[in-house]
Amino acid sequence: MNRIKELRKGKGMKQTDLARQLGVTQGALSGWENENYEPDIKALKKMSEIFGVSVDFILCLTDEPASEGAADETLVALSAPKGYDRLTEDERREIEEIIAIYNKRRDS
């Protein structure tokens, strides 16, 4: 998570400062910055608030720090199955159509 380190340094914060605000250990934060571990959703949301950027930006899914509708897109990205981010737009649309079919069946 190089972006976490960039954001933290951009605010002039030490790892211990950010870790304290997030309620995690300095070791956990170091692990995220060195890409040994991934932060949980709670930590991502908190970092989004601290730095004023979208979770997608923190996760390097976009180069835009914030965008309209980012919260909705972020929730989808975080709840998507592993590998979803590697699918093409067409593949994602196809999956969304399949989900819509199943939801329609359930609602009938």
PDB file of N, CA and C in Angstrom:
ATOM      1  N   MET A   1       0.841  -1.187   0.000  1.00  0.00           N
ATOM      2  CA  MET A   1       0.000   0.000   0.000  1.00  0.00           C
ATOM      3  C   MET A   1       0.883   1.246   0.000  1.00  0.00           C
ATOM      4  N   ASN A   2       1.584   1.442  -1.032  1.00  0.00           N
ATOM      5  CA  ASN A   2       2.453   2.605  -1.115  1.00  0.00           C
ATOM      6  C   ASN A   2       1.667   3.909  -0.982  1.00  0.00           C
ATOM      7  N   ARG A   3       0.414   3.904  -1.392  1.00  0.00           N
ATOM      8  CA  ARG A   3      -0.378   5.123  -1.341  1.00  0.00           C
ATOM      9  C   ARG A   3      -0.590   5.565   0.102  1.00  0.00           C
ATOM     10  N   ILE A   4      -0.708   4.642   1.023  1.00  0.00           N
ATOM     11  CA  ILE A   4      -0.880   4.999   2.432  1.00  0.00           C
ATOM     12  C   ILE A   4       0.339   5.773   2.908  1.00  0.00           C
ATOM     13  N   LYS A   5       1.513   5.281   2.572  1.00  0.00           N
ATOM     14  CA  LYS A   5       2.751   5.944   2.966  1.00  0.00           C
ATOM     15  C   LYS A   5       2.831   7.336   2.344  1.00  0.00           C
ATOM     16  N   GLU A   6       2.478   7.442   1.054  1.00  0.00           N
ATOM     17  CA  GLU A   6       2.498   8.736   0.372  1.00  0.00           C
ATOM     18  C   GLU A   6       1.555   9.726   1.058  1.00  0.00           C
ATOM     19  N   LEU A   7       0.345   9.275   1.366  1.00  0.00           N
ATOM     20  CA  LEU A   7      -0.636  10.155   2.018  1.00  0.00           C
ATOM     21  C   LEU A   7      -0.161  10.570   3.405  1.00  0.00           C
ATOM     22  N   ARG A   8       0.360   9.600   4.149  1.00  0.00           N
ATOM     23  CA  ARG A   8       0.836   9.885   5.507  1.00  0.00           C
ATOM     24  C   ARG A   8       1.966  10.903   5.476  1.00  0.00           C
ATOM     25  N   LYS A   9       2.950  10.685   4.619  1.00  0.00           N
ATOM     26  CA  LYS A   9       4.084  11.600   4.531  1.00  0.00           C
ATOM     27  C   LYS A   9       3.648  12.968   4.012  1.00  0.00           C
ATOM     28  N   GLY A  10       2.670  12.966   3.105  1.00  0.00           N
ATOM     29  CA  GLY A  10       2.149  14.223   2.579  1.00  0.00           C
ATOM     30  C   GLY A  10       1.516  15.092   3.657  1.00  0.00           C
ATOM     31  N   LYS A  11       1.012  14.455   4.710  1.00  0.00           N
ATOM     32  CA  LYS A  11       0.439  15.179   5.847  1.00  0.00           C
ATOM     33  C   LYS A  11       1.470  15.431   6.935  1.00  0.00           C
ATOM     34  N   GLY A  12       2.713  14.988   6.697  1.00  0.00           N
ATOM     35  CA  GLY A  12       3.765  15.180   7.694  1.00  0.00           C
ATOM     36  C   GLY A  12       3.565  14.349   8.942  1.00  0.00           C
ATOM     37  N   MET A  13       2.939  13.182   8.789  1.00  0.00           N
ATOM     38  CA  MET A  13       2.654  12.324   9.937  1.00  0.00           C
ATOM     39  C   MET A  13       3.687  11.213  10.054  1.00  0.00           C
ATOM     40  N   LYS A  14       3.950  10.810  11.285  1.00  0.00           N
ATOM     41  CA  LYS A  14       4.776   9.643  11.553  1.00  0.00           C
ATOM     42  C   LYS A  14       3.859   8.422  11.568  1.00  0.00           C
ATOM     43  N   GLN A  15       4.439   7.251  11.392  1.00  0.00           N
ATOM     44  CA  GLN A  15       3.635   6.030  11.453  1.00  0.00           C
ATOM     45  C   GLN A  15       2.905   5.923  12.786  1.00  0.00           C
ATOM     46  N   THR A  16       3.587   6.277  13.855  1.00  0.00           N
ATOM     47  CA  THR A  16       2.955   6.167  15.174  1.00  0.00           C
ATOM     48  C   THR A  16       1.748   7.091  15.290  1.00  0.00           C
ATOM     49  N   ASP A  17       1.818   8.277  14.673  1.00  0.00           N
ATOM     50  CA  ASP A  17       0.696   9.219  14.713  1.00  0.00           C
ATOM     51  C   ASP A  17      -0.529   8.639  14.011  1.00  0.00           C
ATOM     52  N   LEU A  18      -0.322   8.134  12.785  1.00  0.00           N
ATOM     53  CA  LEU A  18      -1.441   7.587  12.025  1.00  0.00           C
ATOM     54  C   LEU A  18      -1.968   6.318  12.683  1.00  0.00           C
ATOM     55  N   ALA A  19      -1.059   5.476  13.150  1.00  0.00           N
ATOM     56  CA  ALA A  19      -1.478   4.236  13.813  1.00  0.00           C
ATOM     57  C   ALA A  19      -2.365   4.546  15.013  1.00  0.00           C
ATOM     58  N   ARG A  20      -1.996   5.554  15.785  1.00  0.00           N
ATOM     59  CA  ARG A  20      -2.779   5.944  16.963  1.00  0.00           C
ATOM     60  C   ARG A  20      -4.182   6.382  16.540  1.00  0.00           C
ATOM     61  N   GLN A  21      -4.268   7.195  15.482  1.00  0.00           N
ATOM     62  CA  GLN A  21      -5.573   7.672  15.011  1.00  0.00           C
ATOM     63  C   GLN A  21      -6.435   6.525  14.496  1.00  0.00           C
ATOM     64  N   LEU A  22      -5.792   5.515  13.925  1.00  0.00           N
ATOM     65  CA  LEU A  22      -6.530   4.381  13.377  1.00  0.00           C
ATOM     66  C   LEU A  22      -6.835   3.314  14.417  1.00  0.00           C
ATOM     67  N   GLY A  23      -6.185   3.413  15.559  1.00  0.00           N
ATOM     68  CA  GLY A  23      -6.397   2.415  16.609  1.00  0.00           C
ATOM     69  C   GLY A  23      -5.721   1.085  16.299  1.00  0.00           C
ATOM     70  N   VAL A  24      -4.575   1.160  15.595  1.00  0.00           N
ATOM     71  CA  VAL A  24      -3.817  -0.047  15.262  1.00  0.00           C
ATOM     72  C   VAL A  24      -2.384   0.135  15.738  1.00  0.00           C
ATOM     73  N   THR A  25      -1.617  -0.929  15.687  1.00  0.00           N
ATOM     74  CA  THR A  25      -0.212  -0.825  16.079  1.00  0.00           C
ATOM     75  C   THR A  25       0.607  -0.221  14.945  1.00  0.00           C
ATOM     76  N   GLN A  26       1.762   0.306  15.309  1.00  0.00           N
ATOM     77  CA  GLN A  26       2.676   0.847  14.309  1.00  0.00           C
ATOM     78  C   GLN A  26       3.147  -0.279  13.394  1.00  0.00           C
ATOM     79  N   GLY A  27       3.285  -1.468  13.926  1.00  0.00           N
ATOM     80  CA  GLY A  27       3.691  -2.629  13.136  1.00  0.00           C
ATOM     81  C   GLY A  27       2.667  -2.985  12.062  1.00  0.00           C
ATOM     82  N   ALA A  28       1.382  -2.889  12.424  1.00  0.00           N
ATOM     83  CA  ALA A  28       0.322  -3.173  11.443  1.00  0.00           C
ATOM     84  C   ALA A  28       0.378  -2.154  10.313  1.00  0.00           C
ATOM     85  N   LEU A  29       0.515  -0.885  10.676  1.00  0.00           N
ATOM     86  CA  LEU A  29       0.599   0.170   9.660  1.00  0.00           C
ATOM     87  C   LEU A  29       1.822  -0.035   8.770  1.00  0.00           C
ATOM     88  N   SER A  30       2.938  -0.384   9.353  1.00  0.00           N
ATOM     89  CA  SER A  30       4.150  -0.655   8.588  1.00  0.00           C
ATOM     90  C   SER A  30       3.916  -1.804   7.607  1.00  0.00           C
ATOM     91  N   GLY A  31       3.201  -2.825   8.055  1.00  0.00           N
ATOM     92  CA  GLY A  31       2.875  -3.963   7.193  1.00  0.00           C
ATOM     93  C   GLY A  31       2.033  -3.549   6.000  1.00  0.00           C
ATOM     94  N   TRP A  32       1.086  -2.619   6.217  1.00  0.00           N
ATOM     95  CA  TRP A  32       0.260  -2.126   5.103  1.00  0.00           C
ATOM     96  C   TRP A  32       1.114  -1.352   4.117  1.00  0.00           C
ATOM     97  N   GLU A  33       1.975  -0.502   4.657  1.00  0.00           N
ATOM     98  CA  GLU A  33       2.810   0.333   3.798  1.00  0.00           C
ATOM     99  C   GLU A  33       3.820  -0.488   3.000  1.00  0.00           C
ATOM    100  N   ASN A  34       4.239  -1.601   3.548  1.00  0.00           N
ATOM    101  CA  ASN A  34       5.200  -2.471   2.859  1.00  0.00           C
ATOM    102  C   ASN A  34       4.507  -3.574   2.065  1.00  0.00           C
ATOM    103  N   GLU A  35       3.186  -3.497   2.007  1.00  0.00           N
ATOM    104  CA  GLU A  35       2.354  -4.444   1.253  1.00  0.00           C
ATOM    105  C   GLU A  35       2.491  -5.879   1.737  1.00  0.00           C
ATOM    106  N   ASN A  36       2.759  -6.046   3.041  1.00  0.00           N
ATOM    107  CA  ASN A  36       2.785  -7.377   3.643  1.00  0.00           C
ATOM    108  C   ASN A  36       1.397  -7.799   4.091  1.00  0.00           C
ATOM    109  N   TYR A  37       0.562  -6.818   4.419  1.00  0.00           N
ATOM    110  CA  TYR A  37      -0.805  -7.045   4.872  1.00  0.00           C
ATOM    111  C   TYR A  37      -1.702  -6.015   4.202  1.00  0.00           C
ATOM    112  N   GLU A  38      -3.019  -6.256   4.298  1.00  0.00           N
ATOM    113  CA  GLU A  38      -3.978  -5.289   3.787  1.00  0.00           C
ATOM    114  C   GLU A  38      -4.849  -4.793   4.944  1.00  0.00           C
ATOM    115  N   PRO A  39      -5.135  -3.497   4.969  1.00  0.00           N
ATOM    116  CA  PRO A  39      -5.994  -2.969   6.035  1.00  0.00           C
ATOM    117  C   PRO A  39      -7.421  -3.471   5.879  1.00  0.00           C
ATOM    118  N   ASP A  40      -8.129  -3.541   7.008  1.00  0.00           N
ATOM    119  CA  ASP A  40      -9.531  -3.948   6.936  1.00  0.00           C
ATOM    120  C   ASP A  40     -10.395  -2.763   6.516  1.00  0.00           C
ATOM    121  N   ILE A  41     -11.664  -3.028   6.303  1.00  0.00           N
ATOM    122  CA  ILE A  41     -12.586  -2.004   5.804  1.00  0.00           C
ATOM    123  C   ILE A  41     -12.681  -0.827   6.777  1.00  0.00           C
ATOM    124  N   LYS A  42     -12.728  -1.134   8.055  1.00  0.00           N
ATOM    125  CA  LYS A  42     -12.827  -0.075   9.068  1.00  0.00           C
ATOM    126  C   LYS A  42     -11.638   0.885   8.975  1.00  0.00           C
ATOM    127  N   ALA A  43     -10.426   0.337   8.838  1.00  0.00           N
ATOM    128  CA  ALA A  43      -9.226   1.171   8.740  1.00  0.00           C
ATOM    129  C   ALA A  43      -9.223   1.965   7.436  1.00  0.00           C
ATOM    130  N   LEU A  44      -9.672   1.345   6.357  1.00  0.00           N
ATOM    131  CA  LEU A  44      -9.730   2.051   5.074  1.00  0.00           C
ATOM    132  C   LEU A  44     -10.686   3.234   5.137  1.00  0.00           C
ATOM    133  N   LYS A  45     -11.842   3.031   5.741  1.00  0.00           N
ATOM    134  CA  LYS A  45     -12.816   4.128   5.864  1.00  0.00           C
ATOM    135  C   LYS A  45     -12.242   5.263   6.712  1.00  0.00           C
ATOM    136  N   LYS A  46     -11.584   4.904   7.802  1.00  0.00           N
ATOM    137  CA  LYS A  46     -10.998   5.917   8.682  1.00  0.00           C
ATOM    138  C   LYS A  46      -9.892   6.689   7.957  1.00  0.00           C
ATOM    139  N   MET A  47      -9.033   5.991   7.200  1.00  0.00           N
ATOM    140  CA  MET A  47      -7.987   6.680   6.437  1.00  0.00           C
ATOM    141  C   MET A  47      -8.599   7.594   5.389  1.00  0.00           C
ATOM    142  N   SER A  48      -9.689   7.168   4.795  1.00  0.00           N
ATOM    143  CA  SER A  48     -10.393   7.984   3.811  1.00  0.00           C
ATOM    144  C   SER A  48     -10.830   9.308   4.439  1.00  0.00           C
ATOM    145  N   GLU A  49     -11.325   9.235   5.664  1.00  0.00           N
ATOM    146  CA  GLU A  49     -11.740  10.439   6.391  1.00  0.00           C
ATOM    147  C   GLU A  49     -10.529  11.300   6.762  1.00  0.00           C
ATOM    148  N   ILE A  50      -9.483  10.676   7.267  1.00  0.00           N
ATOM    149  CA  ILE A  50      -8.293  11.412   7.708  1.00  0.00           C
ATOM    150  C   ILE A  50      -7.645  12.167   6.544  1.00  0.00           C
ATOM    151  N   PHE A  51      -7.511  11.489   5.412  1.00  0.00           N
ATOM    152  CA  PHE A  51      -6.808  12.084   4.278  1.00  0.00           C
ATOM    153  C   PHE A  51      -7.719  12.806   3.289  1.00  0.00           C
ATOM    154  N   GLY A  52      -9.039  12.650   3.431  1.00  0.00           N
ATOM    155  CA  GLY A  52      -9.974  13.321   2.536  1.00  0.00           C
ATOM    156  C   GLY A  52      -9.932  12.786   1.110  1.00  0.00           C
ATOM    157  N   VAL A  53      -9.707  11.487   0.984  1.00  0.00           N
ATOM    158  CA  VAL A  53      -9.666  10.840  -0.330  1.00  0.00           C
ATOM    159  C   VAL A  53     -10.585   9.618  -0.301  1.00  0.00           C
ATOM    160  N   SER A  54     -10.865   9.079  -1.476  1.00  0.00           N
ATOM    161  CA  SER A  54     -11.705   7.886  -1.539  1.00  0.00           C
ATOM    162  C   SER A  54     -10.907   6.649  -1.153  1.00  0.00           C
ATOM    163  N   VAL A  55     -11.613   5.623  -0.731  1.00  0.00           N
ATOM    164  CA  VAL A  55     -10.977   4.346  -0.421  1.00  0.00           C
ATOM    165  C   VAL A  55     -10.342   3.778  -1.689  1.00  0.00           C
ATOM    166  N   ASP A  56     -11.003   3.962  -2.828  1.00  0.00           N
ATOM    167  CA  ASP A  56     -10.442   3.492  -4.100  1.00  0.00           C
ATOM    168  C   ASP A  56      -9.076   4.120  -4.359  1.00  0.00           C
ATOM    169  N   PHE A  57      -8.911   5.387  -4.004  1.00  0.00           N
ATOM    170  CA  PHE A  57      -7.628   6.060  -4.185  1.00  0.00           C
ATOM    171  C   PHE A  57      -6.573   5.426  -3.284  1.00  0.00           C
ATOM    172  N   ILE A  58      -6.941   5.145  -2.036  1.00  0.00           N
ATOM    173  CA  ILE A  58      -6.011   4.511  -1.099  1.00  0.00           C
ATOM    174  C   ILE A  58      -5.585   3.147  -1.624  1.00  0.00           C
ATOM    175  N   LEU A  59      -6.522   2.419  -2.222  1.00  0.00           N
ATOM    176  CA  LEU A  59      -6.239   1.078  -2.733  1.00  0.00           C
ATOM    177  C   LEU A  59      -5.599   1.093  -4.117  1.00  0.00           C
ATOM    178  N   CYS A  60      -5.326   2.289  -4.643  1.00  0.00           N
ATOM    179  CA  CYS A  60      -4.717   2.452  -5.981  1.00  0.00           C
ATOM    180  C   CYS A  60      -5.612   1.905  -7.093  1.00  0.00           C
ATOM    181  N   LEU A  61      -6.939   1.940  -6.869  1.00  0.00           N
ATOM    182  CA  LEU A  61      -7.878   1.533  -7.910  1.00  0.00           C
ATOM    183  C   LEU A  61      -8.190   2.697  -8.836  1.00  0.00           C
ATOM    184  N   THR A  62      -7.826   3.895  -8.409  1.00  0.00           N
ATOM    185  CA  THR A  62      -7.998   5.097  -9.211  1.00  0.00           C
ATOM    186  C   THR A  62      -6.875   6.067  -8.876  1.00  0.00           C
ATOM    187  N   ASP A  63      -6.617   6.965  -9.800  1.00  0.00           N
ATOM    188  CA  ASP A  63      -5.623   8.005  -9.537  1.00  0.00           C
ATOM    189  C   ASP A  63      -6.293   9.315  -9.150  1.00  0.00           C
ATOM    190  N   GLU A  64      -7.625   9.319  -9.089  1.00  0.00           N
ATOM    191  CA  GLU A  64      -8.388  10.488  -8.673  1.00  0.00           C
ATOM    192  C   GLU A  64      -8.617  10.401  -7.164  1.00  0.00           C
ATOM    193  N   PRO A  65      -8.139  11.392  -6.401  1.00  0.00           N
ATOM    194  CA  PRO A  65      -8.285  11.327  -4.942  1.00  0.00           C
ATOM    195  C   PRO A  65      -9.730  11.185  -4.460  1.00  0.00           C
ATOM    196  N   ALA A  66     -10.659  11.816  -5.149  1.00  0.00           N
ATOM    197  CA  ALA A  66     -12.067  11.715  -4.764  1.00  0.00           C
ATOM    198  C   ALA A  66     -12.915  11.955  -5.994  1.00  0.00           C
ATOM    199  N   SER A  67     -14.075  11.327  -6.009  1.00  0.00           N
ATOM    200  CA  SER A  67     -14.994  11.534  -7.122  1.00  0.00           C
ATOM    201  C   SER A  67     -16.416  11.379  -6.631  1.00  0.00           C
ATOM    202  N   GLU A  68     -17.360  11.946  -7.381  1.00  0.00           N
ATOM    203  CA  GLU A  68     -18.766  11.802  -7.019  1.00  0.00           C
ATOM    204  C   GLU A  68     -19.142  10.333  -7.119  1.00  0.00           C
ATOM    205  N   GLY A  69     -19.923   9.880  -6.168  1.00  0.00           N
ATOM    206  CA  GLY A  69     -20.349   8.488  -6.163  1.00  0.00           C
ATOM    207  C   GLY A  69     -19.267   7.526  -5.712  1.00  0.00           C
ATOM    208  N   ALA A  70     -18.144   8.048  -5.254  1.00  0.00           N
ATOM    209  CA  ALA A  70     -17.037   7.182  -4.859  1.00  0.00           C
ATOM    210  C   ALA A  70     -17.423   6.262  -3.710  1.00  0.00           C
ATOM    211  N   ALA A  71     -18.246   6.741  -2.799  1.00  0.00           N
ATOM    212  CA  ALA A  71     -18.637   5.920  -1.655  1.00  0.00           C
ATOM    213  C   ALA A  71     -19.373   4.674  -2.115  1.00  0.00           C
ATOM    214  N   ASP A  72     -20.310   4.820  -3.049  1.00  0.00           N
ATOM    215  CA  ASP A  72     -21.051   3.666  -3.548  1.00  0.00           C
ATOM    216  C   ASP A  72     -20.136   2.688  -4.277  1.00  0.00           C
ATOM    217  N   GLU A  73     -19.255   3.218  -5.126  1.00  0.00           N
ATOM    218  CA  GLU A  73     -18.333   2.366  -5.869  1.00  0.00           C
ATOM    219  C   GLU A  73     -17.388   1.647  -4.924  1.00  0.00           C
ATOM    220  N   THR A  74     -16.951   2.323  -3.881  1.00  0.00           N
ATOM    221  CA  THR A  74     -16.031   1.724  -2.927  1.00  0.00           C
ATOM    222  C   THR A  74     -16.679   0.555  -2.217  1.00  0.00           C
ATOM    223  N   LEU A  75     -17.928   0.721  -1.795  1.00  0.00           N
ATOM    224  CA  LEU A  75     -18.606  -0.364  -1.105  1.00  0.00           C
ATOM    225  C   LEU A  75     -18.739  -1.570  -2.009  1.00  0.00           C
ATOM    226  N   VAL A  76     -19.000  -1.349  -3.292  1.00  0.00           N
ATOM    227  CA  VAL A  76     -19.084  -2.459  -4.235  1.00  0.00           C
ATOM    228  C   VAL A  76     -17.727  -3.124  -4.355  1.00  0.00           C
ATOM    229  N   ALA A  77     -16.671  -2.331  -4.524  1.00  0.00           N
ATOM    230  CA  ALA A  77     -15.334  -2.886  -4.699  1.00  0.00           C
ATOM    231  C   ALA A  77     -14.909  -3.689  -3.469  1.00  0.00           C
ATOM    232  N   LEU A  78     -15.217  -3.198  -2.285  1.00  0.00           N
ATOM    233  CA  LEU A  78     -14.799  -3.877  -1.069  1.00  0.00           C
ATOM    234  C   LEU A  78     -15.594  -5.143  -0.804  1.00  0.00           C
ATOM    235  N   SER A  79     -16.839  -5.212  -1.300  1.00  0.00           N
ATOM    236  CA  SER A  79     -17.653  -6.391  -1.070  1.00  0.00           C
ATOM    237  C   SER A  79     -17.593  -7.374  -2.231  1.00  0.00           C
ATOM    238  N   ALA A  80     -16.902  -7.028  -3.294  1.00  0.00           N
ATOM    239  CA  ALA A  80     -16.804  -7.889  -4.467  1.00  0.00           C
ATOM    240  C   ALA A  80     -15.898  -9.078  -4.177  1.00  0.00           C
ATOM    241  N   PRO A  81     -16.167 -10.188  -4.865  1.00  0.00           N
ATOM    242  CA  PRO A  81     -15.314 -11.366  -4.683  1.00  0.00           C
ATOM    243  C   PRO A  81     -13.880 -11.100  -5.142  1.00  0.00           C
ATOM    244  N   LYS A  82     -12.963 -11.864  -4.597  1.00  0.00           N
ATOM    245  CA  LYS A  82     -11.558 -11.732  -4.973  1.00  0.00           C
ATOM    246  C   LYS A  82     -11.416 -11.948  -6.486  1.00  0.00           C
ATOM    247  N   GLY A  83     -10.660 -11.090  -7.127  1.00  0.00           N
ATOM    248  CA  GLY A  83     -10.453 -11.187  -8.567  1.00  0.00           C
ATOM    249  C   GLY A  83     -11.377 -10.309  -9.382  1.00  0.00           C
ATOM    250  N   TYR A  84     -12.413  -9.756  -8.753  1.00  0.00           N
ATOM    251  CA  TYR A  84     -13.378  -8.901  -9.461  1.00  0.00           C
ATOM    252  C   TYR A  84     -12.683  -7.712 -10.110  1.00  0.00           C
ATOM    253  N   ASP A  85     -11.672  -7.181  -9.440  1.00  0.00           N
ATOM    254  CA  ASP A  85     -10.964  -6.009  -9.954  1.00  0.00           C
ATOM    255  C   ASP A  85     -10.173  -6.307 -11.227  1.00  0.00           C
ATOM    256  N   ARG A  86      -9.941  -7.582 -11.536  1.00  0.00           N
ATOM    257  CA  ARG A  86      -9.195  -7.932 -12.745  1.00  0.00           C
ATOM    258  C   ARG A  86     -10.100  -8.174 -13.948  1.00  0.00           C
ATOM    259  N   LEU A  87     -11.425  -8.132 -13.735  1.00  0.00           N
ATOM    260  CA  LEU A  87     -12.365  -8.364 -14.828  1.00  0.00           C
ATOM    261  C   LEU A  87     -12.476  -7.135 -15.719  1.00  0.00           C
ATOM    262  N   THR A  88     -12.794  -7.380 -16.988  1.00  0.00           N
ATOM    263  CA  THR A  88     -13.038  -6.269 -17.907  1.00  0.00           C
ATOM    264  C   THR A  88     -14.404  -5.680 -17.610  1.00  0.00           C
ATOM    265  N   GLU A  89     -14.682  -4.509 -18.158  1.00  0.00           N
ATOM    266  CA  GLU A  89     -15.998  -3.884 -17.979  1.00  0.00           C
ATOM    267  C   GLU A  89     -17.099  -4.793 -18.506  1.00  0.00           C
ATOM    268  N   ASP A  90     -16.874  -5.416 -19.667  1.00  0.00           N
ATOM    269  CA  ASP A  90     -17.871  -6.323 -20.239  1.00  0.00           C
ATOM    270  C   ASP A  90     -18.135  -7.503 -19.314  1.00  0.00           C
ATOM    271  N   GLU A  91     -17.084  -8.057 -18.741  1.00  0.00           N
ATOM    272  CA  GLU A  91     -17.250  -9.187 -17.821  1.00  0.00           C
ATOM    273  C   GLU A  91     -18.004  -8.763 -16.568  1.00  0.00           C
ATOM    274  N   ARG A  92     -17.719  -7.570 -16.081  1.00  0.00           N
ATOM    275  CA  ARG A  92     -18.437  -7.069 -14.897  1.00  0.00           C
ATOM    276  C   ARG A  92     -19.912  -6.861 -15.207  1.00  0.00           C
ATOM    277  N   ARG A  93     -20.212  -6.288 -16.374  1.00  0.00           N
ATOM    278  CA  ARG A  93     -21.616  -6.097 -16.771  1.00  0.00           C
ATOM    279  C   ARG A  93     -22.344  -7.431 -16.875  1.00  0.00           C
ATOM    280  N   GLU A  94     -21.681  -8.417 -17.434  1.00  0.00           N
ATOM    281  CA  GLU A  94     -22.281  -9.744 -17.567  1.00  0.00           C
ATOM    282  C   GLU A  94     -22.623 -10.322 -16.198  1.00  0.00           C
ATOM    283  N   ILE A  95     -21.702 -10.192 -15.256  1.00  0.00           N
ATOM    284  CA  ILE A  95     -21.949 -10.681 -13.899  1.00  0.00           C
ATOM    285  C   ILE A  95     -23.105  -9.915 -13.258  1.00  0.00           C
ATOM    286  N   GLU A  96     -23.142  -8.603 -13.446  1.00  0.00           N
ATOM    287  CA  GLU A  96     -24.232  -7.793 -12.893  1.00  0.00           C
ATOM    288  C   GLU A  96     -25.577  -8.197 -13.485  1.00  0.00           C
ATOM    289  N   GLU A  97     -25.600  -8.548 -14.766  1.00  0.00           N
ATOM    290  CA  GLU A  97     -26.838  -9.017 -15.390  1.00  0.00           C
ATOM    291  C   GLU A  97     -27.287 -10.338 -14.785  1.00  0.00           C
ATOM    292  N   ILE A  98     -26.342 -11.231 -14.538  1.00  0.00           N
ATOM    293  CA  ILE A  98     -26.663 -12.517 -13.915  1.00  0.00           C
ATOM    294  C   ILE A  98     -27.225 -12.294 -12.514  1.00  0.00           C
ATOM    295  N   ILE A  99     -26.602 -11.402 -11.758  1.00  0.00           N
ATOM    296  CA  ILE A  99     -27.091 -11.101 -10.406  1.00  0.00           C
ATOM    297  C   ILE A  99     -28.501 -10.534 -10.470  1.00  0.00           C
ATOM    298  N   ALA A 100     -28.749  -9.649 -11.428  1.00  0.00           N
ATOM    299  CA  ALA A 100     -30.086  -9.064 -11.585  1.00  0.00           C
ATOM    300  C   ALA A 100     -31.118 -10.155 -11.875  1.00  0.00           C
ATOM    301  N   ILE A 101     -30.766 -11.146 -12.677  1.00  0.00           N
ATOM    302  CA  ILE A 101     -31.681 -12.255 -12.985  1.00  0.00           C
ATOM    303  C   ILE A 101     -32.017 -13.018 -11.705  1.00  0.00           C
ATOM    304  N   TYR A 102     -30.997 -13.331 -10.908  1.00  0.00           N
ATOM    305  CA  TYR A 102     -31.231 -14.054  -9.661  1.00  0.00           C
ATOM    306  C   TYR A 102     -32.068 -13.234  -8.682  1.00  0.00           C
ATOM    307  N   ASN A 103     -31.793 -11.940  -8.598  1.00  0.00           N
ATOM    308  CA  ASN A 103     -32.585 -11.096  -7.702  1.00  0.00           C
ATOM    309  C   ASN A 103     -34.027 -11.017  -8.164  1.00  0.00           C
ATOM    310  N   LYS A 104     -34.250 -10.956  -9.464  1.00  0.00           N
ATOM    311  CA  LYS A 104     -35.625 -10.907 -10.002  1.00  0.00           C
ATOM    312  C   LYS A 104     -36.361 -12.198  -9.671  1.00  0.00           C
ATOM    313  N   ARG A 105     -35.674 -13.335  -9.814  1.00  0.00           N
ATOM    314  CA  ARG A 105     -36.282 -14.632  -9.483  1.00  0.00           C
ATOM    315  C   ARG A 105     -36.665 -14.681  -8.009  1.00  0.00           C
ATOM    316  N   ARG A 106     -35.779 -14.190  -7.160  1.00  0.00           N
ATOM    317  CA  ARG A 106     -36.029 -14.218  -5.720  1.00  0.00           C
ATOM    318  C   ARG A 106     -37.218 -13.334  -5.357  1.00  0.00           C
ATOM    319  N   ASP A 107     -37.337 -12.187  -6.017  1.00  0.00           N
ATOM    320  CA  ASP A 107     -38.413 -11.252  -5.708  1.00  0.00           C
ATOM    321  C   ASP A 107     -39.763 -11.679  -6.275  1.00  0.00           C
ATOM    322  N   SER A 108     -39.767 -12.657  -7.174  1.00  0.00           N
ATOM    323  CA  SER A 108     -41.033 -13.108  -7.796  1.00  0.00           C
ATOM    324  C   SER A 108     -41.793 -14.045  -6.903  1.00  0.00           C
TER     325      SER A 108
END
